[in-house]
Amino acid sequence: MELLEECKLCGKSAVLQNSHIIPRSYYKRLKRESNQLLIIVDSDEIEPRLSNSDPKEKLLCIECEQFLSVKYESYGTKIFRTSKNVIKQDDRITINGFDYKRFYLYFISILWRASLTSHDNFKSIDLGGEFEDLLKFCIINNRMKLGRGNSLKIDHFVRLSVVRVIDSSNNISDDLIKCVMMNFRMDISNIEKVAIYYLMLEGFLIVYSLSPGKDIHDVRARRLPSQVVSGSSANIMKVEIGEFKEIREMFNLAINKSKKHHR
């Protein structure tokens, strides 16, 4: 008889599935194109490594697995790959017919799973039970508002920014950039209490900025560079590896950690 455990999303007792923290399709595509991908984790104990494995943990029942797959992943995993309704320019990628809520909650679902898992690749991500429950509420109810009669929305507190990382000098090939999977947290301001979580997938850097804001007006009005906002189209800016400190430090981290572990 199979063990029944509580599903982390719906709360029902069920046989839990081996849930992928990062959707499996990213790993499948990378393995198909390059056999292995470079995993970079924010931990002195874990070196950057080539890997064929994709982190999994028993988190969800089969119904919730299917719910996430149909509701969010079927859209989110394809949005950066499709050529339909996409205009590519020298400095940006414009996506028309954009479904902001579906896109946003897709990436929120990844952050939520990364916080829940005990896997070493995500050990630096710990949002706390209360915040995890808040994300879970939005995910399972497919909504941005935090409650009835409440004008506050989850994207007032978790800002999502996306850029396409490039290297025009070709010192780092675009194929290599797209084969790097990187995630870690950086606290950039103790005064403003801003926490930053990074995730890099297929050449796109996804930045989660978590901040309570100074007051209710600041929470609603604040907007970050390259932030994805509600609308029928999205502009994803192209950014040179060396242009933003965060991106440069991420690649320097990979280089330094590789040297440290191979002396």
C-alpha atoms as a PDB file:
ATOM      1  CA  MET A   1       0.000   0.000   0.000  1.00  0.00           C
ATOM      2  CA  GLU A   2       1.385   3.381  -1.027  1.00  0.00           C
ATOM      3  CA  LEU A   3       1.952   6.021   1.620  1.00  0.00           C
ATOM      4  CA  LEU A   4      -0.569   8.868   1.770  1.00  0.00           C
ATOM      5  CA  GLU A   5       0.860  12.296   2.529  1.00  0.00           C
ATOM      6  CA  GLU A   6      -0.463  15.843   2.508  1.00  0.00           C
ATOM      7  CA  CYS A   7      -0.294  17.622  -0.838  1.00  0.00           C
ATOM      8  CA  LYS A   8       1.481  20.942  -0.351  1.00  0.00           C
ATOM      9  CA  LEU A   9      -0.917  22.756  -2.681  1.00  0.00           C
ATOM     10  CA  CYS A  10      -4.446  21.452  -2.050  1.00  0.00           C
ATOM     11  CA  GLY A  11      -3.810  19.974   1.409  1.00  0.00           C
ATOM     12  CA  LYS A  12      -5.507  16.652   0.658  1.00  0.00           C
ATOM     13  CA  SER A  13      -4.055  13.267   1.643  1.00  0.00           C
ATOM     14  CA  ALA A  14      -2.780  11.517  -1.460  1.00  0.00           C
ATOM     15  CA  VAL A  15       0.066   9.582  -3.000  1.00  0.00           C
ATOM     16  CA  LEU A  16       2.507  12.382  -3.757  1.00  0.00           C
ATOM     17  CA  GLN A  17       4.299  12.644  -7.071  1.00  0.00           C
ATOM     18  CA  ASN A  18       7.973  13.382  -7.605  1.00  0.00           C
ATOM     19  CA  SER A  19       7.389  17.037  -8.427  1.00  0.00           C
ATOM     20  CA  HIS A  20       9.942  18.928 -10.484  1.00  0.00           C
ATOM     21  CA  ILE A  21      11.000  22.174  -8.813  1.00  0.00           C
ATOM     22  CA  ILE A  22      11.977  23.656 -12.165  1.00  0.00           C
ATOM     23  CA  PRO A  23       9.620  22.386 -14.903  1.00  0.00           C
ATOM     24  CA  ARG A  24      10.986  19.272 -16.570  1.00  0.00           C
ATOM     25  CA  SER A  25      10.739  20.660 -20.104  1.00  0.00           C
ATOM     26  CA  TYR A  26      13.721  22.986 -19.466  1.00  0.00           C
ATOM     27  CA  TYR A  27      15.923  20.034 -18.583  1.00  0.00           C
ATOM     28  CA  LYS A  28      14.616  17.937 -21.464  1.00  0.00           C
ATOM     29  CA  ARG A  29      15.393  20.638 -23.999  1.00  0.00           C
ATOM     30  CA  LEU A  30      18.843  21.357 -22.609  1.00  0.00           C
ATOM     31  CA  LYS A  31      19.746  17.679 -22.540  1.00  0.00           C
ATOM     32  CA  ARG A  32      18.508  17.266 -26.098  1.00  0.00           C
ATOM     33  CA  GLU A  33      20.594  20.177 -27.345  1.00  0.00           C
ATOM     34  CA  SER A  34      23.758  19.867 -25.228  1.00  0.00           C
ATOM     35  CA  ASN A  35      23.455  16.623 -23.234  1.00  0.00           C
ATOM     36  CA  GLN A  36      24.354  18.451 -20.025  1.00  0.00           C
ATOM     37  CA  LEU A  37      23.750  21.817 -18.404  1.00  0.00           C
ATOM     38  CA  LEU A  38      25.776  23.897 -15.984  1.00  0.00           C
ATOM     39  CA  ILE A  39      24.125  24.169 -12.567  1.00  0.00           C
ATOM     40  CA  ILE A  40      25.222  27.078 -10.356  1.00  0.00           C
ATOM     41  CA  VAL A  41      24.072  27.236  -6.733  1.00  0.00           C
ATOM     42  CA  ASP A  42      24.701  29.957  -4.139  1.00  0.00           C
ATOM     43  CA  SER A  43      26.592  27.781  -1.679  1.00  0.00           C
ATOM     44  CA  ASP A  44      30.283  27.442  -0.881  1.00  0.00           C
ATOM     45  CA  GLU A  45      29.694  23.742  -0.337  1.00  0.00           C
ATOM     46  CA  ILE A  46      28.325  23.063  -3.824  1.00  0.00           C
ATOM     47  CA  GLU A  47      30.492  23.633  -6.886  1.00  0.00           C
ATOM     48  CA  PRO A  48      29.157  24.578 -10.328  1.00  0.00           C
ATOM     49  CA  ARG A  49      28.731  21.306 -12.140  1.00  0.00           C
ATOM     50  CA  LEU A  50      27.595  19.704 -15.345  1.00  0.00           C
ATOM     51  CA  SER A  51      24.512  17.688 -14.616  1.00  0.00           C
ATOM     52  CA  ASN A  52      21.913  15.494 -16.228  1.00  0.00           C
ATOM     53  CA  SER A  53      19.644  15.448 -13.190  1.00  0.00           C
ATOM     54  CA  ASP A  54      16.618  17.591 -12.502  1.00  0.00           C
ATOM     55  CA  PRO A  55      15.730  18.155  -8.823  1.00  0.00           C
ATOM     56  CA  LYS A  56      12.504  16.491  -7.717  1.00  0.00           C
ATOM     57  CA  GLU A  57      10.691  16.017  -4.430  1.00  0.00           C
ATOM     58  CA  LYS A  58       7.380  14.554  -3.337  1.00  0.00           C
ATOM     59  CA  LEU A  59       5.320  17.717  -2.956  1.00  0.00           C
ATOM     60  CA  LEU A  60       2.078  17.452  -4.934  1.00  0.00           C
ATOM     61  CA  CYS A  61      -0.733  15.041  -5.654  1.00  0.00           C
ATOM     62  CA  ILE A  62      -1.308  14.045  -9.263  1.00  0.00           C
ATOM     63  CA  GLU A  63      -4.321  16.384  -9.597  1.00  0.00           C
ATOM     64  CA  CYS A  64      -2.263  19.401  -8.506  1.00  0.00           C
ATOM     65  CA  GLU A  65       0.604  18.332 -10.765  1.00  0.00           C
ATOM     66  CA  GLN A  66      -1.813  18.360 -13.683  1.00  0.00           C
ATOM     67  CA  PHE A  67      -3.338  21.643 -12.530  1.00  0.00           C
ATOM     68  CA  LEU A  68       0.042  23.407 -12.560  1.00  0.00           C
ATOM     69  CA  SER A  69       0.934  21.820 -15.885  1.00  0.00           C
ATOM     70  CA  VAL A  70      -2.266  22.856 -17.664  1.00  0.00           C
ATOM     71  CA  LYS A  71      -2.920  26.190 -15.970  1.00  0.00           C
ATOM     72  CA  TYR A  72       0.599  27.638 -15.908  1.00  0.00           C
ATOM     73  CA  GLU A  73       3.408  25.497 -17.322  1.00  0.00           C
ATOM     74  CA  SER A  74       1.798  24.914 -20.713  1.00  0.00           C
ATOM     75  CA  TYR A  75       2.040  28.686 -21.221  1.00  0.00           C
ATOM     76  CA  GLY A  76       5.109  29.653 -19.202  1.00  0.00           C
ATOM     77  CA  THR A  77       7.518  27.092 -20.630  1.00  0.00           C
ATOM     78  CA  LYS A  78       6.720  28.074 -24.221  1.00  0.00           C
ATOM     79  CA  ILE A  79       6.545  31.851 -23.953  1.00  0.00           C
ATOM     80  CA  PHE A  80      10.307  32.347 -24.518  1.00  0.00           C
ATOM     81  CA  ARG A  81      10.491  29.733 -27.273  1.00  0.00           C
ATOM     82  CA  THR A  82       7.622  30.508 -29.586  1.00  0.00           C
ATOM     83  CA  SER A  83       7.984  32.741 -32.628  1.00  0.00           C
ATOM     84  CA  LYS A  84       4.249  33.423 -32.751  1.00  0.00           C
ATOM     85  CA  ASN A  85       3.383  37.041 -31.904  1.00  0.00           C
ATOM     86  CA  VAL A  86       7.060  37.718 -31.156  1.00  0.00           C
ATOM     87  CA  ILE A  87       9.047  40.615 -32.612  1.00  0.00           C
ATOM     88  CA  LYS A  88      12.830  40.383 -32.166  1.00  0.00           C
ATOM     89  CA  GLN A  89      14.804  43.615 -32.309  1.00  0.00           C
ATOM     90  CA  ASP A  90      18.417  44.507 -31.590  1.00  0.00           C
ATOM     91  CA  ASP A  91      17.686  45.705 -28.064  1.00  0.00           C
ATOM     92  CA  ARG A  92      14.536  43.818 -27.067  1.00  0.00           C
ATOM     93  CA  ILE A  93      12.068  41.035 -27.635  1.00  0.00           C
ATOM     94  CA  THR A  94       8.419  42.076 -27.815  1.00  0.00           C
ATOM     95  CA  ILE A  95       5.758  39.493 -27.030  1.00  0.00           C
ATOM     96  CA  ASN A  96       2.261  40.379 -28.239  1.00  0.00           C
ATOM     97  CA  GLY A  97      -0.907  38.650 -27.080  1.00  0.00           C
ATOM     98  CA  PHE A  98       0.724  38.449 -23.650  1.00  0.00           C
ATOM     99  CA  ASP A  99      -1.103  36.800 -20.722  1.00  0.00           C
ATOM    100  CA  TYR A 100       0.433  38.623 -17.771  1.00  0.00           C
ATOM    101  CA  LYS A 101      -1.403  36.817 -14.974  1.00  0.00           C
ATOM    102  CA  ARG A 102      -0.632  33.377 -16.345  1.00  0.00           C
ATOM    103  CA  PHE A 103       3.017  34.307 -16.938  1.00  0.00           C
ATOM    104  CA  TYR A 104       3.421  35.844 -13.491  1.00  0.00           C
ATOM    105  CA  LEU A 105       1.782  33.019 -11.548  1.00  0.00           C
ATOM    106  CA  TYR A 106       3.804  30.485 -13.513  1.00  0.00           C
ATOM    107  CA  PHE A 107       7.046  31.963 -12.210  1.00  0.00           C
ATOM    108  CA  ILE A 108       5.554  32.431  -8.750  1.00  0.00           C
ATOM    109  CA  SER A 109       4.777  28.692  -8.720  1.00  0.00           C
ATOM    110  CA  ILE A 110       8.471  27.958  -9.361  1.00  0.00           C
ATOM    111  CA  LEU A 111       9.550  30.246  -6.510  1.00  0.00           C
ATOM    112  CA  TRP A 112       6.978  28.606  -4.213  1.00  0.00           C
ATOM    113  CA  ARG A 113       8.228  25.089  -4.976  1.00  0.00           C
ATOM    114  CA  ALA A 114      11.855  26.192  -4.580  1.00  0.00           C
ATOM    115  CA  SER A 115      11.061  27.483  -1.095  1.00  0.00           C
ATOM    116  CA  LEU A 116       9.269  24.268  -0.104  1.00  0.00           C
ATOM    117  CA  THR A 117      11.878  21.790  -1.265  1.00  0.00           C
ATOM    118  CA  SER A 118      14.737  20.492   0.868  1.00  0.00           C
ATOM    119  CA  HIS A 119      16.940  19.945  -2.204  1.00  0.00           C
ATOM    120  CA  ASP A 120      20.451  21.400  -1.899  1.00  0.00           C
ATOM    121  CA  ASN A 121      20.105  23.366  -5.147  1.00  0.00           C
ATOM    122  CA  PHE A 122      17.529  25.598  -3.463  1.00  0.00           C
ATOM    123  CA  LYS A 123      18.763  25.656   0.134  1.00  0.00           C
ATOM    124  CA  SER A 124      19.209  29.460   0.102  1.00  0.00           C
ATOM    125  CA  ILE A 125      15.522  30.029  -0.641  1.00  0.00           C
ATOM    126  CA  ASP A 126      13.346  30.148   2.466  1.00  0.00           C
ATOM    127  CA  LEU A 127      10.328  32.426   2.220  1.00  0.00           C
ATOM    128  CA  GLY A 128       8.778  31.259   5.484  1.00  0.00           C
ATOM    129  CA  GLY A 129       5.482  29.468   5.998  1.00  0.00           C
ATOM    130  CA  GLU A 130       3.275  32.569   6.041  1.00  0.00           C
ATOM    131  CA  PHE A 131       4.585  33.894   2.741  1.00  0.00           C
ATOM    132  CA  GLU A 132       4.525  30.434   1.174  1.00  0.00           C
ATOM    133  CA  ASP A 133       0.846  30.215   2.116  1.00  0.00           C
ATOM    134  CA  LEU A 134       0.214  33.580   0.476  1.00  0.00           C
ATOM    135  CA  LEU A 135       1.783  32.389  -2.774  1.00  0.00           C
ATOM    136  CA  LYS A 136      -0.112  29.106  -2.538  1.00  0.00           C
ATOM    137  CA  PHE A 137      -3.400  31.004  -2.201  1.00  0.00           C
ATOM    138  CA  CYS A 138      -2.720  32.934  -5.407  1.00  0.00           C
ATOM    139  CA  ILE A 139      -1.525  29.861  -7.313  1.00  0.00           C
ATOM    140  CA  ILE A 140      -4.376  27.509  -6.449  1.00  0.00           C
ATOM    141  CA  ASN A 141      -7.030  30.198  -6.915  1.00  0.00           C
ATOM    142  CA  ASN A 142      -5.473  31.600 -10.102  1.00  0.00           C
ATOM    143  CA  ARG A 143      -5.721  35.138  -8.814  1.00  0.00           C
ATOM    144  CA  MET A 144      -3.529  38.140  -8.118  1.00  0.00           C
ATOM    145  CA  LYS A 145      -5.615  39.821  -5.413  1.00  0.00           C
ATOM    146  CA  LEU A 146      -4.763  38.786  -1.879  1.00  0.00           C
ATOM    147  CA  GLY A 147      -8.343  38.597  -0.626  1.00  0.00           C
ATOM    148  CA  ARG A 148     -11.912  39.685  -1.131  1.00  0.00           C
ATOM    149  CA  GLY A 149     -12.404  43.408  -0.803  1.00  0.00           C
ATOM    150  CA  ASN A 150      -8.628  43.836  -0.844  1.00  0.00           C
ATOM    151  CA  SER A 151      -7.081  46.014  -3.541  1.00  0.00           C
ATOM    152  CA  LEU A 152      -3.584  44.741  -2.815  1.00  0.00           C
ATOM    153  CA  LYS A 153      -2.160  42.184  -5.221  1.00  0.00           C
ATOM    154  CA  ILE A 154       0.706  39.749  -4.969  1.00  0.00           C
ATOM    155  CA  ASP A 155       2.704  41.646  -7.596  1.00  0.00           C
ATOM    156  CA  HIS A 156       2.718  44.685  -5.300  1.00  0.00           C
ATOM    157  CA  PHE A 157       5.083  42.721  -3.062  1.00  0.00           C
ATOM    158  CA  VAL A 158       6.852  40.360  -5.473  1.00  0.00           C
ATOM    159  CA  ARG A 159       8.049  42.226  -8.560  1.00  0.00           C
ATOM    160  CA  LEU A 160       9.055  40.128 -11.527  1.00  0.00           C
ATOM    161  CA  SER A 161      11.697  41.407 -13.941  1.00  0.00           C
ATOM    162  CA  VAL A 162      12.975  39.557 -17.001  1.00  0.00           C
ATOM    163  CA  VAL A 163      15.900  40.268 -19.345  1.00  0.00           C
ATOM    164  CA  ARG A 164      17.563  38.302 -22.140  1.00  0.00           C
ATOM    165  CA  VAL A 165      21.265  37.937 -21.381  1.00  0.00           C
ATOM    166  CA  ILE A 166      23.600  38.372 -24.368  1.00  0.00           C
ATOM    167  CA  ASP A 167      27.298  38.874 -25.054  1.00  0.00           C
ATOM    168  CA  SER A 168      27.844  40.899 -28.218  1.00  0.00           C
ATOM    169  CA  SER A 169      31.604  40.385 -27.920  1.00  0.00           C
ATOM    170  CA  ASN A 170      31.064  36.621 -28.283  1.00  0.00           C
ATOM    171  CA  ASN A 171      33.507  35.933 -25.455  1.00  0.00           C
ATOM    172  CA  ILE A 172      30.714  33.770 -24.105  1.00  0.00           C
ATOM    173  CA  SER A 173      28.702  32.083 -26.814  1.00  0.00           C
ATOM    174  CA  ASP A 174      24.939  32.374 -26.846  1.00  0.00           C
ATOM    175  CA  ASP A 175      24.715  28.587 -26.788  1.00  0.00           C
ATOM    176  CA  LEU A 176      26.659  28.534 -23.514  1.00  0.00           C
ATOM    177  CA  ILE A 177      24.525  31.310 -22.030  1.00  0.00           C
ATOM    178  CA  LYS A 178      21.405  29.292 -22.813  1.00  0.00           C
ATOM    179  CA  CYS A 179      22.891  26.176 -21.190  1.00  0.00           C
ATOM    180  CA  VAL A 180      23.455  27.844 -17.811  1.00  0.00           C
ATOM    181  CA  MET A 181      20.881  27.308 -15.083  1.00  0.00           C
ATOM    182  CA  MET A 182      21.531  29.606 -12.152  1.00  0.00           C
ATOM    183  CA  ASN A 183      19.602  30.558  -9.039  1.00  0.00           C
ATOM    184  CA  PHE A 184      20.480  32.235  -5.760  1.00  0.00           C
ATOM    185  CA  ARG A 185      19.390  34.967  -3.419  1.00  0.00           C
ATOM    186  CA  MET A 186      21.046  38.297  -2.802  1.00  0.00           C
ATOM    187  CA  ASP A 187      20.013  40.792  -0.124  1.00  0.00           C
ATOM    188  CA  ILE A 188      20.768  44.163  -1.676  1.00  0.00           C
ATOM    189  CA  SER A 189      19.441  46.463   1.040  1.00  0.00           C
ATOM    190  CA  ASN A 190      19.017  45.846   4.737  1.00  0.00           C
ATOM    191  CA  ILE A 191      17.470  49.300   5.081  1.00  0.00           C
ATOM    192  CA  GLU A 192      14.666  48.712   2.575  1.00  0.00           C
ATOM    193  CA  LYS A 193      14.528  45.000   3.421  1.00  0.00           C
ATOM    194  CA  VAL A 194      14.639  43.983  -0.234  1.00  0.00           C
ATOM    195  CA  ALA A 195      15.394  40.349  -1.053  1.00  0.00           C
ATOM    196  CA  ILE A 196      16.331  39.365  -4.583  1.00  0.00           C
ATOM    197  CA  TYR A 197      15.993  35.865  -6.018  1.00  0.00           C
ATOM    198  CA  TYR A 198      17.531  35.045  -9.375  1.00  0.00           C
ATOM    199  CA  LEU A 199      16.670  32.269 -11.790  1.00  0.00           C
ATOM    200  CA  MET A 200      18.302  31.865 -15.187  1.00  0.00           C
ATOM    201  CA  LEU A 201      16.641  29.681 -17.792  1.00  0.00           C
ATOM    202  CA  GLU A 202      17.547  29.315 -21.468  1.00  0.00           C
ATOM    203  CA  GLY A 203      19.335  32.667 -21.577  1.00  0.00           C
ATOM    204  CA  PHE A 204      16.638  34.616 -19.724  1.00  0.00           C
ATOM    205  CA  LEU A 205      17.352  36.073 -16.302  1.00  0.00           C
ATOM    206  CA  ILE A 206      14.257  36.139 -14.108  1.00  0.00           C
ATOM    207  CA  VAL A 207      14.543  38.421 -11.091  1.00  0.00           C
ATOM    208  CA  TYR A 208      12.142  38.236  -8.157  1.00  0.00           C
ATOM    209  CA  SER A 209      12.234  41.351  -5.950  1.00  0.00           C
ATOM    210  CA  LEU A 210      10.510  40.921  -2.597  1.00  0.00           C
ATOM    211  CA  SER A 211       9.838  44.086  -0.634  1.00  0.00           C
ATOM    212  CA  PRO A 212       7.093  45.294   1.727  1.00  0.00           C
ATOM    213  CA  GLY A 213       7.502  48.898   0.559  1.00  0.00           C
ATOM    214  CA  LYS A 214       7.602  51.995   2.762  1.00  0.00           C
ATOM    215  CA  ASP A 215       3.835  52.444   2.822  1.00  0.00           C
ATOM    216  CA  ILE A 216       0.709  51.462   0.879  1.00  0.00           C
ATOM    217  CA  HIS A 217       1.312  54.118  -1.796  1.00  0.00           C
ATOM    218  CA  ASP A 218       4.916  53.036  -2.278  1.00  0.00           C
ATOM    219  CA  VAL A 219       3.811  49.411  -2.579  1.00  0.00           C
ATOM    220  CA  ARG A 220       1.400  50.249  -5.404  1.00  0.00           C
ATOM    221  CA  ALA A 221       3.558  52.766  -7.256  1.00  0.00           C
ATOM    222  CA  ARG A 222       6.985  51.160  -7.137  1.00  0.00           C
ATOM    223  CA  ARG A 223       8.296  49.848 -10.449  1.00  0.00           C
ATOM    224  CA  LEU A 224      11.666  48.269 -11.131  1.00  0.00           C
ATOM    225  CA  PRO A 225      13.834  48.335 -14.284  1.00  0.00           C
ATOM    226  CA  SER A 226      12.798  45.613 -16.749  1.00  0.00           C
ATOM    227  CA  GLN A 227       9.789  44.785 -14.586  1.00  0.00           C
ATOM    228  CA  VAL A 228       7.108  42.777 -16.370  1.00  0.00           C
ATOM    229  CA  VAL A 229       3.783  44.561 -15.940  1.00  0.00           C
ATOM    230  CA  SER A 230       0.174  43.860 -16.783  1.00  0.00           C
ATOM    231  CA  GLY A 231      -0.728  44.474 -20.410  1.00  0.00           C
ATOM    232  CA  SER A 232      -1.365  42.825 -23.761  1.00  0.00           C
ATOM    233  CA  SER A 233       2.334  42.906 -24.672  1.00  0.00           C
ATOM    234  CA  ALA A 234       5.651  42.495 -22.879  1.00  0.00           C
ATOM    235  CA  ASN A 235       9.034  43.991 -23.715  1.00  0.00           C
ATOM    236  CA  ILE A 236      11.977  41.824 -22.703  1.00  0.00           C
ATOM    237  CA  MET A 237      15.135  43.908 -22.907  1.00  0.00           C
ATOM    238  CA  LYS A 238      18.429  42.418 -24.058  1.00  0.00           C
ATOM    239  CA  VAL A 239      21.218  43.011 -21.555  1.00  0.00           C
ATOM    240  CA  GLU A 240      24.951  42.520 -21.972  1.00  0.00           C
ATOM    241  CA  ILE A 241      26.495  40.180 -19.421  1.00  0.00           C
ATOM    242  CA  GLY A 242      28.752  42.939 -18.101  1.00  0.00           C
ATOM    243  CA  GLU A 243      26.138  45.697 -18.057  1.00  0.00           C
ATOM    244  CA  PHE A 244      24.374  44.859 -14.792  1.00  0.00           C
ATOM    245  CA  LYS A 245      26.299  44.124 -11.623  1.00  0.00           C
ATOM    246  CA  GLU A 246      23.969  41.266 -10.719  1.00  0.00           C
ATOM    247  CA  ILE A 247      24.536  39.434 -13.991  1.00  0.00           C
ATOM    248  CA  ARG A 248      28.296  40.016 -13.937  1.00  0.00           C
ATOM    249  CA  GLU A 249      28.540  38.756 -10.357  1.00  0.00           C
ATOM    250  CA  MET A 250      26.579  35.636 -11.215  1.00  0.00           C
ATOM    251  CA  PHE A 251      29.020  34.664 -13.957  1.00  0.00           C
ATOM    252  CA  ASN A 252      32.002  35.650 -11.791  1.00  0.00           C
ATOM    253  CA  LEU A 253      30.556  33.405  -9.088  1.00  0.00           C
ATOM    254  CA  ALA A 254      30.559  30.506 -11.527  1.00  0.00           C
ATOM    255  CA  ILE A 255      34.158  31.176 -12.574  1.00  0.00           C
ATOM    256  CA  ASN A 256      35.473  31.676  -9.022  1.00  0.00           C
ATOM    257  CA  LYS A 257      33.680  28.630  -7.641  1.00  0.00           C
ATOM    258  CA  SER A 258      34.979  26.502 -10.486  1.00  0.00           C
ATOM    259  CA  LYS A 259      38.547  27.650  -9.740  1.00  0.00           C
ATOM    260  CA  LYS A 260      38.095  27.073  -6.000  1.00  0.00           C
ATOM    261  CA  HIS A 261      36.921  23.509  -6.435  1.00  0.00           C
ATOM    262  CA  HIS A 262      39.525  22.582  -9.055  1.00  0.00           C
ATOM    263  CA  ARG A 263      42.776  23.820  -7.520  1.00  0.00           C
END
